[in-house]
Protein backbone atom coordinates (compact mmCIF):
# COMPACT_ATOMS: atom_id res chain seq x y z
CA MET A 1 27.99 -10.44 -12.42
CA SER A 2 25.16 -8.32 -13.02
CA ARG A 3 27.14 -5.13 -12.54
CA ILE A 4 28.47 -5.77 -15.75
CA SER A 5 25.61 -6.29 -17.50
CA ASP A 6 23.74 -3.19 -15.82
CA LEU A 7 27.23 -1.17 -16.96
CA LEU A 8 26.79 -2.47 -20.55
CA SER A 9 22.90 -2.05 -20.48
CA LEU A 10 23.62 1.54 -19.51
CA MET A 11 26.29 2.02 -22.41
CA ARG A 12 23.45 0.97 -24.38
CA ASN A 13 21.64 3.85 -23.61
CA TRP A 14 24.29 6.09 -25.02
CA SER A 15 24.68 3.92 -27.90
CA LEU A 16 22.26 2.10 -30.68
CA PHE A 17 22.66 -1.15 -29.86
CA GLN A 18 19.86 -3.19 -28.14
CA VAL A 19 19.45 -4.35 -25.02
CA ILE A 20 20.33 -8.20 -25.48
CA THR A 21 23.48 -6.96 -26.98
CA GLY A 22 24.56 -5.73 -23.74
CA TYR A 23 23.49 -8.86 -22.29
CA LEU A 24 25.39 -11.10 -24.54
CA LEU A 25 28.67 -8.91 -24.45
CA ALA A 26 28.21 -9.51 -20.81
CA GLY A 27 27.97 -13.16 -20.91
CA SER A 28 30.77 -13.07 -23.10
CA LEU A 29 33.17 -10.71 -20.81
CA ILE A 30 32.09 -12.72 -17.84
CA GLY A 31 32.22 -16.23 -19.25
CA PRO A 32 35.37 -18.30 -19.97
CA GLY A 33 36.22 -17.32 -23.26
CA GLY A 34 36.85 -13.42 -21.71
CA LEU A 35 37.64 -12.52 -17.92
CA ASN A 36 37.10 -15.96 -16.62
CA PHE A 37 34.70 -14.53 -14.21
CA VAL A 38 32.76 -18.11 -14.38
CA SER A 39 34.92 -21.23 -15.06
CA GLU A 40 33.17 -24.07 -14.66
CA MET A 41 30.82 -25.21 -17.10
CA VAL A 42 28.06 -25.67 -14.29
CA GLN A 43 28.32 -22.19 -13.54
CA VAL A 44 28.06 -21.16 -17.25
CA GLU A 45 24.87 -23.37 -17.74
CA THR A 46 23.68 -22.11 -14.86
CA VAL A 47 23.52 -18.11 -15.57
CA ALA A 48 22.80 -19.38 -19.08
CA GLN A 49 19.51 -20.75 -17.77
CA PHE A 50 18.82 -17.66 -15.81
CA GLY A 51 19.46 -15.22 -18.60
CA VAL A 52 17.18 -17.54 -20.62
CA ILE A 53 14.53 -17.09 -17.95
CA PHE A 54 15.34 -13.17 -17.64
CA LEU A 55 14.93 -12.82 -21.29
CA LEU A 56 11.76 -14.18 -21.61
CA PHE A 57 10.74 -12.13 -18.71
CA ALA A 58 11.47 -8.99 -20.49
CA LEU A 59 9.74 -10.17 -23.60
CA GLY A 60 6.66 -11.08 -21.73
CA LEU A 61 6.68 -7.60 -20.34
CA GLU A 62 6.75 -5.68 -24.02
CA PHE A 63 3.83 -8.47 -24.88
CA SER A 64 1.11 -6.34 -26.04
CA THR A 65 -2.96 -7.77 -26.88
CA THR A 66 -3.29 -4.94 -29.42
CA LYS A 67 -0.50 -6.13 -31.02
CA LEU A 68 -1.71 -9.59 -31.42
CA ARG A 69 -5.15 -8.58 -32.35
CA VAL A 70 -3.87 -7.31 -35.61
CA VAL A 71 -2.19 -9.78 -36.56
CA ARG A 72 -4.29 -13.02 -35.27
CA THR A 73 -5.28 -14.50 -38.31
CA VAL A 74 -2.00 -14.59 -39.70
CA ALA A 75 -0.70 -16.01 -36.30
CA VAL A 76 -3.34 -18.71 -36.12
CA LEU A 77 -3.17 -19.62 -39.55
CA GLY A 78 0.47 -19.70 -39.58
CA GLY A 79 0.62 -21.82 -36.55
CA LEU A 80 -2.44 -24.92 -37.88
CA LEU A 81 -0.06 -24.67 -41.25
CA GLN A 82 3.22 -24.75 -39.50
CA ASN A 83 1.83 -27.85 -37.66
CA PHE A 84 0.17 -29.50 -40.43
CA LEU A 85 3.29 -29.26 -42.24
CA PHE A 86 5.49 -30.92 -39.44
CA MET A 87 3.08 -33.80 -39.04
CA CYS A 88 3.40 -34.49 -42.59
CA LEU A 89 6.76 -34.40 -42.51
CA CYS A 90 7.45 -37.06 -39.85
CA GLY A 91 4.52 -39.25 -41.14
CA ILE A 92 6.29 -39.30 -44.60
CA ILE A 93 9.78 -40.10 -42.30
CA ALA A 94 8.02 -42.49 -40.13
CA SER A 95 6.70 -44.22 -43.07
CA GLU A 96 9.81 -44.46 -45.04
CA VAL A 97 11.86 -46.15 -42.10
CA LEU A 98 9.14 -48.50 -41.33
CA LEU A 99 8.55 -49.37 -44.74
CA TYR A 100 12.16 -49.73 -45.10
CA CYS A 101 11.90 -51.97 -41.96
CA LEU A 102 9.40 -54.25 -43.20
CA VAL A 103 10.65 -54.88 -46.65
CA SER A 104 14.11 -55.52 -45.07
CA HIS A 105 12.41 -58.33 -42.57
CA LEU A 106 10.51 -59.57 -45.69
CA MET A 107 13.31 -60.14 -47.56
CA LYS A 108 15.40 -61.65 -44.55
CA SER A 109 12.34 -64.35 -44.27
CA ILE A 110 12.18 -65.17 -47.91
């Protein structure tokens, strides 16, 4: 299983594809839709979880603090704005649901 992804990664070195493309192709070949090396869904899920772990590890290796310093203000302000907008959206949805429940209970009691 690992050798197929290694082979596809080597093929990637000779082509213009990214590493993630080799991993996706290896997963497609290994899985139930391809050569059926891994046939049970429990095995597919386990291999997929390991793949996500290795992908996040590889992304962590490429993490650069100097690049983060360049986009620090945009990242911080964007993150704060995203959290604020998500909280507002959740508040609006919750108030609509609770108001609907309150109105329906009041109408039932009349």
